[in-house]
Amino acid sequence: MKVSCLQENLNRGLQVVGRAVPVRSTLPQASHVLIESDEGRLKLVATDLTIAITCWIGATIEAEGSVTVPARLLTDLVAQLPNEKIDLNLGERGKQLHIECARNDANMAGMDAQDFPPVPAVADGLTLTLDPAALKRAIEQVQFAAAADDTRPVLTGIHTLAEGNVLTLAAADGFRLAVYHLPLEADVPEKVEVIIPARALREVERLIGDDSDPVQFSINAQRSQVLFKVPNAEIVATLIQGTFPNYSQLIPQSYNTKTEIGIKDFRQETRIASIFARDGAGIVRLQVEPGEGGNGKMTISARAEEIGEHRGEMDVEVEGEDSKIAFNSKYLQDVLEVLDGATKVQLETTSPSSPGVIRAVGDERYVHVVMPMFVQW
């Protein structure tokens, strides 16, 4: 193999695939990155056996070939090289990769590319073409609600349902639930229901960036693998097997109080209250008092024993009766941060012990449910 490419391109490609390199692995090849010439481009692949990321970069191919080398070593080296042309040479015998850039040269011991874990092919199933901005927004508004620990593996994934002309993404960790309905341009040929690792979708969100080209989304016929393809990169992930909770039953269908709040003020007051909530079990209290003509007042407070307390007030629009409810400050901040495109949010409450529902006013695509915290009022 004899290949030339720009340091900037190789560095960017390694940063993309490097996110699939496991921190620890019992399989030596999994800590490597595959470098391979591919139809006039240079292909980079990394995998932790659950997620595989492939990236193609422009290159001049003088001789075809492939090799795997330690991913972190190569990434750290390339990141420090000057922004000039890099020459990669692999001898006919052995697996020693020679790297030259400006006045730097290095040799790196590699392994046979045939021993690299294969990336599963995703075919003969459902394939959709999605708008990148819409998909990115859908992922952004649900992924943070997925569970971080694998006590219940299905909750570390995002339930994905394609039915009719809607793709629904849902995530829950036992304390909150986020659901986003993404409209499709046409009806899907059949109902498909799978659980995609939240980590994989976070990487998809990162890959999309500001790209305006459509995203290809495919699920194989066996419902075991999912593929997301963007220009010059793709992610293949192993789907999580199991039964996701029936989250539609967790969304309250009625409320006693509906409060419309300016999101900018709500976000700011929540941040202030969270400073005191840090030493008070993370609890913020919301009290809504209706006024005349639909106007009202909401008080956000937090207190920590032996430290102090805080109270902030906002003018709101209220429909219904007085309301009291307490939330974990982090959960409240998380949902308000992802609703940055909205000007107002709607908080629906029934009682201090019932879940609260948060929506963006005027947007029916998204709903967020937060379990309350039990406090002494």
Protein backbone atom coordinates (compact mmCIF):
# COMPACT_ATOMS: atom_id res chain seq x y z
CA MET A 1 0.00 0.00 0.00
CA LYS A 2 1.22 3.47 -0.93
CA VAL A 3 -1.14 6.34 -0.15
CA SER A 4 -0.90 10.13 0.18
CA CYS A 5 -3.43 12.42 1.86
CA LEU A 6 -3.63 15.72 3.70
CA GLN A 7 -2.96 15.76 7.44
CA GLU A 8 -6.16 17.74 7.99
CA ASN A 9 -8.30 15.11 6.26
CA LEU A 10 -6.65 12.13 7.95
CA ASN A 11 -6.90 13.79 11.35
CA ARG A 12 -10.60 14.52 10.84
CA GLY A 13 -11.28 10.94 9.69
CA LEU A 14 -9.46 9.45 12.67
CA GLN A 15 -11.41 11.68 15.06
CA VAL A 16 -14.67 10.44 13.51
CA VAL A 17 -13.93 6.70 13.71
CA GLY A 18 -11.99 6.98 16.97
CA ARG A 19 -15.21 7.31 18.91
CA ALA A 20 -15.90 3.62 18.22
CA VAL A 21 -12.55 2.48 19.62
CA PRO A 22 -13.13 0.79 23.00
CA VAL A 23 -11.21 2.02 26.04
CA ARG A 24 -10.48 -1.59 26.96
CA SER A 25 -10.88 -4.72 24.89
CA THR A 26 -9.91 -8.37 25.21
CA LEU A 27 -9.59 -8.48 21.42
CA PRO A 28 -6.37 -6.70 20.30
CA GLN A 29 -7.76 -5.91 16.84
CA ALA A 30 -10.63 -3.91 18.37
CA SER A 31 -8.15 -1.33 19.65
CA HIS A 32 -6.87 -0.87 16.10
CA VAL A 33 -8.13 1.21 13.20
CA LEU A 34 -8.40 -0.38 9.77
CA ILE A 35 -6.75 1.60 6.97
CA GLU A 36 -7.67 0.46 3.48
CA SER A 37 -7.61 1.84 -0.06
CA ASP A 38 -11.11 1.87 -1.52
CA GLU A 39 -11.90 3.00 -5.07
CA GLY A 40 -9.61 6.01 -5.08
CA ARG A 41 -10.28 6.97 -1.46
CA LEU A 42 -8.83 5.97 1.89
CA LYS A 43 -11.22 4.07 4.16
CA LEU A 44 -10.88 4.16 7.95
CA VAL A 45 -12.84 1.76 10.17
CA ALA A 46 -13.05 1.33 13.95
CA THR A 47 -15.34 -0.88 16.03
CA ASP A 48 -15.98 -1.97 19.60
CA LEU A 49 -18.04 -4.94 18.29
CA THR A 50 -21.27 -3.11 19.16
CA ILE A 51 -20.81 0.00 17.04
CA ALA A 52 -18.69 0.30 13.90
CA ILE A 53 -17.87 3.66 12.31
CA THR A 54 -16.49 3.93 8.78
CA CYS A 55 -15.16 7.12 7.22
CA TRP A 56 -13.78 7.82 3.74
CA ILE A 57 -11.32 10.62 2.98
CA GLY A 58 -9.81 11.89 -0.24
CA ALA A 59 -6.40 10.44 -1.04
CA THR A 60 -3.98 9.65 -3.84
CA ILE A 61 -3.67 5.88 -4.16
CA GLU A 62 -0.46 4.72 -5.81
CA ALA A 63 -0.69 1.13 -4.60
CA GLU A 64 -3.67 -0.69 -3.12
CA GLY A 65 -3.48 -2.34 0.29
CA SER A 66 -4.78 -2.52 3.84
CA VAL A 67 -3.50 -2.81 7.41
CA THR A 68 -4.64 -2.24 10.97
CA VAL A 69 -2.62 -0.15 13.43
CA PRO A 70 -3.18 0.95 17.06
CA ALA A 71 -5.91 3.59 16.82
CA ARG A 72 -4.95 5.87 19.68
CA LEU A 73 -1.27 5.86 18.76
CA LEU A 74 -2.00 6.81 15.15
CA THR A 75 -4.60 9.41 16.15
CA ASP A 76 -2.29 11.11 18.64
CA LEU A 77 0.57 11.13 16.11
CA VAL A 78 -1.44 12.53 13.20
CA ALA A 79 -3.00 15.22 15.41
CA GLN A 80 0.47 16.61 16.17
CA LEU A 81 1.86 16.50 12.65
CA PRO A 82 2.04 19.71 10.57
CA ASN A 83 -0.81 20.50 8.20
CA GLU A 84 0.90 19.08 5.13
CA LYS A 85 0.81 15.97 2.97
CA ILE A 86 1.16 12.62 4.71
CA ASP A 87 2.59 9.57 2.95
CA LEU A 88 1.56 6.13 4.19
CA ASN A 89 3.61 3.19 2.97
CA LEU A 90 3.20 -0.48 3.76
CA GLY A 91 5.92 -2.90 2.76
CA GLU A 92 5.09 -5.95 0.67
CA ARG A 93 6.17 -8.15 3.54
CA GLY A 94 5.33 -7.62 7.18
CA LYS A 95 2.84 -5.17 8.64
CA GLN A 96 5.02 -2.17 9.35
CA LEU A 97 3.32 1.10 8.39
CA HIS A 98 5.72 3.89 7.48
CA ILE A 99 4.40 7.41 7.96
CA GLU A 100 6.07 10.52 6.52
CA CYS A 101 4.97 14.14 6.88
CA ALA A 102 7.24 17.11 6.19
CA ARG A 103 10.42 16.37 8.18
CA ASN A 104 8.78 13.71 10.36
CA ASP A 105 8.74 9.99 9.77
CA ALA A 106 7.56 7.13 11.94
CA ASN A 107 7.12 3.37 11.78
CA MET A 108 4.15 1.66 13.39
CA ALA A 109 3.67 -2.06 13.92
CA GLY A 110 0.36 -3.20 12.48
CA MET A 111 -1.67 -6.38 12.08
CA ASP A 112 -3.25 -8.22 9.17
CA ALA A 113 -6.41 -6.47 7.95
CA GLN A 114 -8.11 -9.85 7.49
CA ASP A 115 -8.09 -10.31 11.27
CA PHE A 116 -10.01 -7.08 11.83
CA PRO A 117 -13.61 -7.65 13.08
CA PRO A 118 -15.90 -7.50 10.03
CA VAL A 119 -18.56 -4.80 9.82
CA PRO A 120 -21.99 -6.46 9.37
CA ALA A 121 -23.83 -5.77 6.14
CA VAL A 122 -27.28 -4.22 6.58
CA ALA A 123 -29.57 -5.24 3.75
CA ASP A 124 -32.96 -6.71 2.79
CA GLY A 125 -34.87 -4.71 5.41
CA LEU A 126 -36.39 -1.28 5.85
CA THR A 127 -34.59 1.71 4.32
CA LEU A 128 -35.66 5.31 4.83
CA THR A 129 -34.22 8.60 3.63
CA LEU A 130 -34.39 11.23 6.36
CA ASP A 131 -33.90 14.97 6.52
CA PRO A 132 -30.64 15.52 8.46
CA ALA A 133 -31.78 18.58 10.44
CA ALA A 134 -35.06 16.90 11.46
CA LEU A 135 -33.31 13.66 12.50
CA LYS A 136 -30.65 15.56 14.44
CA ARG A 137 -33.33 17.48 16.32
CA ALA A 138 -35.28 14.30 17.09
CA ILE A 139 -32.18 12.58 18.48
CA GLU A 140 -31.16 15.64 20.47
CA GLN A 141 -34.53 15.88 22.19
CA VAL A 142 -34.69 12.24 23.35
CA GLN A 143 -31.17 10.80 23.76
CA PHE A 144 -30.42 12.46 27.13
CA ALA A 145 -33.36 10.61 28.72
CA ALA A 146 -31.88 7.16 28.06
CA ALA A 147 -30.44 5.30 31.05
CA ALA A 148 -26.71 5.64 31.64
CA ASP A 149 -26.23 2.31 33.44
CA ASP A 150 -27.01 -1.09 31.99
CA THR A 151 -29.03 -2.48 34.90
CA ARG A 152 -31.89 -2.69 32.40
CA PRO A 153 -30.19 -2.86 28.98
CA VAL A 154 -33.32 -1.92 27.01
CA LEU A 155 -33.38 1.46 28.77
CA THR A 156 -29.90 2.30 27.47
CA GLY A 157 -31.42 2.33 24.00
CA ILE A 158 -33.88 4.49 22.14
CA HIS A 159 -37.10 2.79 21.11
CA THR A 160 -37.60 3.42 17.39
CA LEU A 161 -40.95 2.81 15.74
CA ALA A 162 -41.63 3.31 12.04
CA GLU A 163 -45.34 3.14 11.35
CA GLY A 164 -47.48 4.92 8.79
CA ASN A 165 -45.76 8.18 7.89
CA VAL A 166 -44.14 8.76 11.29
CA LEU A 167 -40.85 7.69 12.86
CA THR A 168 -41.15 7.81 16.65
CA LEU A 169 -38.12 7.92 18.94
CA ALA A 170 -38.56 7.36 22.69
CA ALA A 171 -36.13 7.16 25.60
CA ALA A 172 -36.74 6.53 29.29
CA ASP A 173 -34.60 5.86 32.34
CA GLY A 174 -37.32 5.14 34.91
CA PHE A 175 -37.52 8.76 36.08
CA ARG A 176 -38.31 10.57 32.84
CA LEU A 177 -39.58 9.87 29.34
CA ALA A 178 -38.91 11.75 26.11
CA VAL A 179 -40.91 11.03 22.92
CA TYR A 180 -40.43 12.66 19.51
CA HIS A 181 -42.62 12.04 16.46
CA LEU A 182 -40.68 12.65 13.23
CA PRO A 183 -42.94 13.01 10.16
CA LEU A 184 -41.90 11.05 7.06
CA GLU A 185 -42.47 11.98 3.44
CA ALA A 186 -44.26 8.71 2.71
CA ASP A 187 -45.78 5.73 4.52
CA VAL A 188 -43.41 2.92 5.44
CA PRO A 189 -44.25 -0.42 3.77
CA GLU A 190 -44.45 -2.22 7.11
CA LYS A 191 -44.37 -1.48 10.82
CA VAL A 192 -40.85 -1.78 12.24
CA GLU A 193 -40.05 -1.61 15.95
CA VAL A 194 -36.47 -1.81 17.27
CA ILE A 195 -34.25 -0.50 20.10
CA ILE A 196 -31.17 1.40 18.92
CA PRO A 197 -28.31 2.01 21.40
CA ALA A 198 -28.49 5.62 22.54
CA ARG A 199 -24.73 5.87 22.12
CA ALA A 200 -25.06 5.02 18.42
CA LEU A 201 -27.64 7.75 17.88
CA ARG A 202 -25.46 10.28 19.69
CA GLU A 203 -22.72 9.48 17.20
CA VAL A 204 -25.19 9.88 14.34
CA GLU A 205 -26.16 13.30 15.71
CA ARG A 206 -22.50 14.25 15.88
CA LEU A 207 -21.82 12.96 12.35
CA ILE A 208 -24.70 14.93 10.85
CA GLY A 209 -23.38 18.21 12.21
CA ASP A 210 -24.47 20.98 9.84
CA ASP A 211 -24.70 18.63 6.87
CA SER A 212 -27.65 19.20 4.54
CA ASP A 213 -27.44 15.92 2.61
CA PRO A 214 -30.11 13.28 3.36
CA VAL A 215 -29.37 10.50 5.85
CA GLN A 216 -29.96 6.89 4.84
CA PHE A 217 -31.44 4.86 7.68
CA SER A 218 -31.60 1.06 7.23
CA ILE A 219 -32.57 -1.89 9.42
CA ASN A 220 -31.79 -5.42 8.28
CA ALA A 221 -34.47 -8.06 7.82
CA GLN A 222 -33.35 -9.93 10.95
CA ARG A 223 -33.83 -6.79 13.09
CA SER A 224 -30.32 -7.22 14.49
CA GLN A 225 -28.38 -4.34 12.87
CA VAL A 226 -29.03 -0.73 11.97
CA LEU A 227 -27.15 1.47 9.49
CA PHE A 228 -26.95 5.25 9.28
CA LYS A 229 -25.18 6.58 6.20
CA VAL A 230 -24.14 10.18 5.59
CA PRO A 231 -21.78 11.47 2.90
CA ASN A 232 -18.32 9.98 3.46
CA ALA A 233 -19.26 8.15 6.68
CA GLU A 234 -21.54 5.49 8.09
CA ILE A 235 -22.38 3.88 11.41
CA VAL A 236 -23.50 0.29 11.91
CA ALA A 237 -24.80 -0.69 15.34
CA THR A 238 -26.08 -3.88 16.93
CA LEU A 239 -29.67 -3.46 18.04
CA ILE A 240 -30.67 -4.11 21.65
CA GLN A 241 -32.91 -7.13 22.04
CA GLY A 242 -35.73 -7.02 24.56
CA THR A 243 -39.09 -5.41 25.27
CA PHE A 244 -39.23 -1.67 25.78
CA PRO A 245 -41.79 -0.40 28.32
CA ASN A 246 -45.18 0.59 26.92
CA TYR A 247 -44.44 4.28 27.33
CA SER A 248 -47.77 5.48 25.91
CA GLN A 249 -49.34 4.39 29.21
CA LEU A 250 -46.92 6.64 31.11
CA ILE A 251 -48.07 9.87 29.43
CA PRO A 252 -50.92 11.46 31.42
CA GLN A 253 -53.95 12.09 29.26
CA SER A 254 -55.41 14.85 31.45
CA TYR A 255 -54.30 17.57 33.85
CA ASN A 256 -55.67 19.90 36.49
CA THR A 257 -53.31 22.78 35.74
CA LYS A 258 -51.75 23.92 32.49
CA THR A 259 -49.07 26.60 32.76
CA GLU A 260 -47.45 28.40 29.83
CA ILE A 261 -44.03 29.79 30.67
CA GLY A 262 -41.48 31.79 28.68
CA ILE A 263 -38.66 29.31 28.19
CA LYS A 264 -35.84 31.82 28.53
CA ASP A 265 -37.00 32.93 31.99
CA PHE A 266 -37.87 29.38 33.02
CA ARG A 267 -34.42 28.15 32.06
CA GLN A 268 -32.68 31.00 33.89
CA GLU A 269 -34.69 30.65 37.10
CA THR A 270 -34.15 26.88 37.09
CA ARG A 271 -30.39 27.37 36.77
CA ILE A 272 -30.38 29.78 39.69
CA ALA A 273 -32.46 27.45 41.87
CA SER A 274 -30.22 24.50 40.98
CA ILE A 275 -27.29 26.23 42.69
CA PHE A 276 -29.07 25.77 46.01
CA ALA A 277 -30.56 22.44 44.95
CA ARG A 278 -27.09 20.92 44.67
CA ASP A 279 -26.90 20.71 48.46
CA GLY A 280 -30.58 19.93 48.86
CA ALA A 281 -30.91 16.52 47.15
CA GLY A 282 -31.24 18.27 43.78
CA ILE A 283 -34.84 19.32 44.48
CA VAL A 284 -36.51 22.36 42.95
CA ARG A 285 -40.08 23.23 43.91
CA LEU A 286 -42.58 24.78 41.52
CA GLN A 287 -45.70 26.52 42.81
CA VAL A 288 -48.30 27.92 40.40
CA GLU A 289 -50.93 30.43 41.46
CA PRO A 290 -53.64 31.46 38.96
CA GLY A 291 -54.64 35.10 38.74
CA GLU A 292 -57.32 36.97 36.83
CA GLY A 293 -57.90 36.55 33.10
CA GLY A 294 -55.63 33.55 32.74
CA ASN A 295 -52.61 35.35 34.16
CA GLY A 296 -50.73 33.90 37.08
CA LYS A 297 -47.48 33.52 38.94
CA MET A 298 -45.01 30.65 39.26
CA THR A 299 -42.49 30.46 42.06
CA ILE A 300 -39.36 28.34 41.70
CA SER A 301 -37.56 27.62 44.94
CA ALA A 302 -34.80 25.46 46.34
CA ARG A 303 -33.32 25.12 49.79
CA ALA A 304 -30.52 23.30 51.50
CA GLU A 305 -30.41 22.83 55.24
CA GLU A 306 -27.71 24.90 56.98
CA ILE A 307 -26.82 26.63 53.71
CA GLY A 308 -29.73 28.72 52.54
CA GLU A 309 -32.64 28.97 50.17
CA HIS A 310 -33.72 30.75 47.01
CA ARG A 311 -37.05 31.86 45.56
CA GLY A 312 -37.65 33.20 42.07
CA GLU A 313 -40.93 34.39 40.54
CA MET A 314 -42.20 34.53 36.96
CA ASP A 315 -45.35 35.78 35.29
CA VAL A 316 -47.11 32.90 33.54
CA GLU A 317 -50.39 32.00 31.87
CA VAL A 318 -52.43 29.52 33.88
CA GLU A 319 -55.42 27.37 33.05
CA GLY A 320 -56.86 25.49 36.01
CA GLU A 321 -56.18 25.45 39.74
CA ASP A 322 -53.26 26.05 42.11
CA SER A 323 -50.44 23.58 41.62
CA LYS A 324 -47.43 22.34 43.56
CA ILE A 325 -44.81 19.92 42.27
CA ALA A 326 -41.10 19.22 42.83
CA PHE A 327 -38.59 17.95 40.28
CA ASN A 328 -34.97 16.91 40.16
CA SER A 329 -33.21 20.09 39.01
CA LYS A 330 -30.99 18.23 36.53
CA TYR A 331 -33.95 16.59 34.82
CA LEU A 332 -35.73 19.92 34.53
CA GLN A 333 -32.64 21.65 33.14
CA ASP A 334 -31.98 18.84 30.65
CA VAL A 335 -35.35 19.18 28.94
CA LEU A 336 -35.32 22.99 28.95
CA GLU A 337 -31.88 23.01 27.31
CA VAL A 338 -33.01 20.92 24.32
CA LEU A 339 -36.10 23.04 23.75
CA ASP A 340 -33.97 25.99 22.65
CA GLY A 341 -36.04 26.52 19.49
CA ALA A 342 -39.22 27.22 21.45
CA THR A 343 -40.27 30.54 22.98
CA LYS A 344 -42.76 29.08 25.45
CA VAL A 345 -43.18 25.75 27.17
CA GLN A 346 -46.30 24.19 28.59
CA LEU A 347 -46.23 22.44 31.97
CA GLU A 348 -49.16 20.12 32.70
CA THR A 349 -49.63 18.94 36.28
CA THR A 350 -52.28 16.97 38.16
CA SER A 351 -50.98 16.63 41.73
CA PRO A 352 -47.67 16.79 43.66
CA SER A 353 -47.37 13.00 43.35
CA SER A 354 -48.27 12.68 39.64
CA PRO A 355 -45.88 13.04 36.70
CA GLY A 356 -45.44 16.44 35.12
CA VAL A 357 -45.65 16.84 31.34
CA ILE A 358 -43.57 19.40 29.45
CA ARG A 359 -44.20 20.38 25.83
CA ALA A 360 -43.09 23.17 23.55
CA VAL A 361 -46.09 25.42 22.91
CA GLY A 362 -47.29 24.99 19.34
CA ASP A 363 -45.21 21.83 18.69
CA GLU A 364 -47.09 18.54 18.85
CA ARG A 365 -44.09 16.45 17.86
CA TYR A 366 -42.45 16.33 21.28
CA VAL A 367 -43.58 15.39 24.78
CA HIS A 368 -41.50 14.99 27.93
CA VAL A 369 -42.69 13.34 31.15
CA VAL A 370 -40.86 13.82 34.45
CA MET A 371 -41.58 11.94 37.65
CA PRO A 372 -42.02 14.21 40.68
CA MET A 373 -39.92 14.18 43.84
CA PHE A 374 -41.76 13.76 47.11
CA VAL A 375 -41.13 16.66 49.49
CA GLN A 376 -42.64 18.29 52.56
CA TRP A 377 -44.51 21.42 51.58
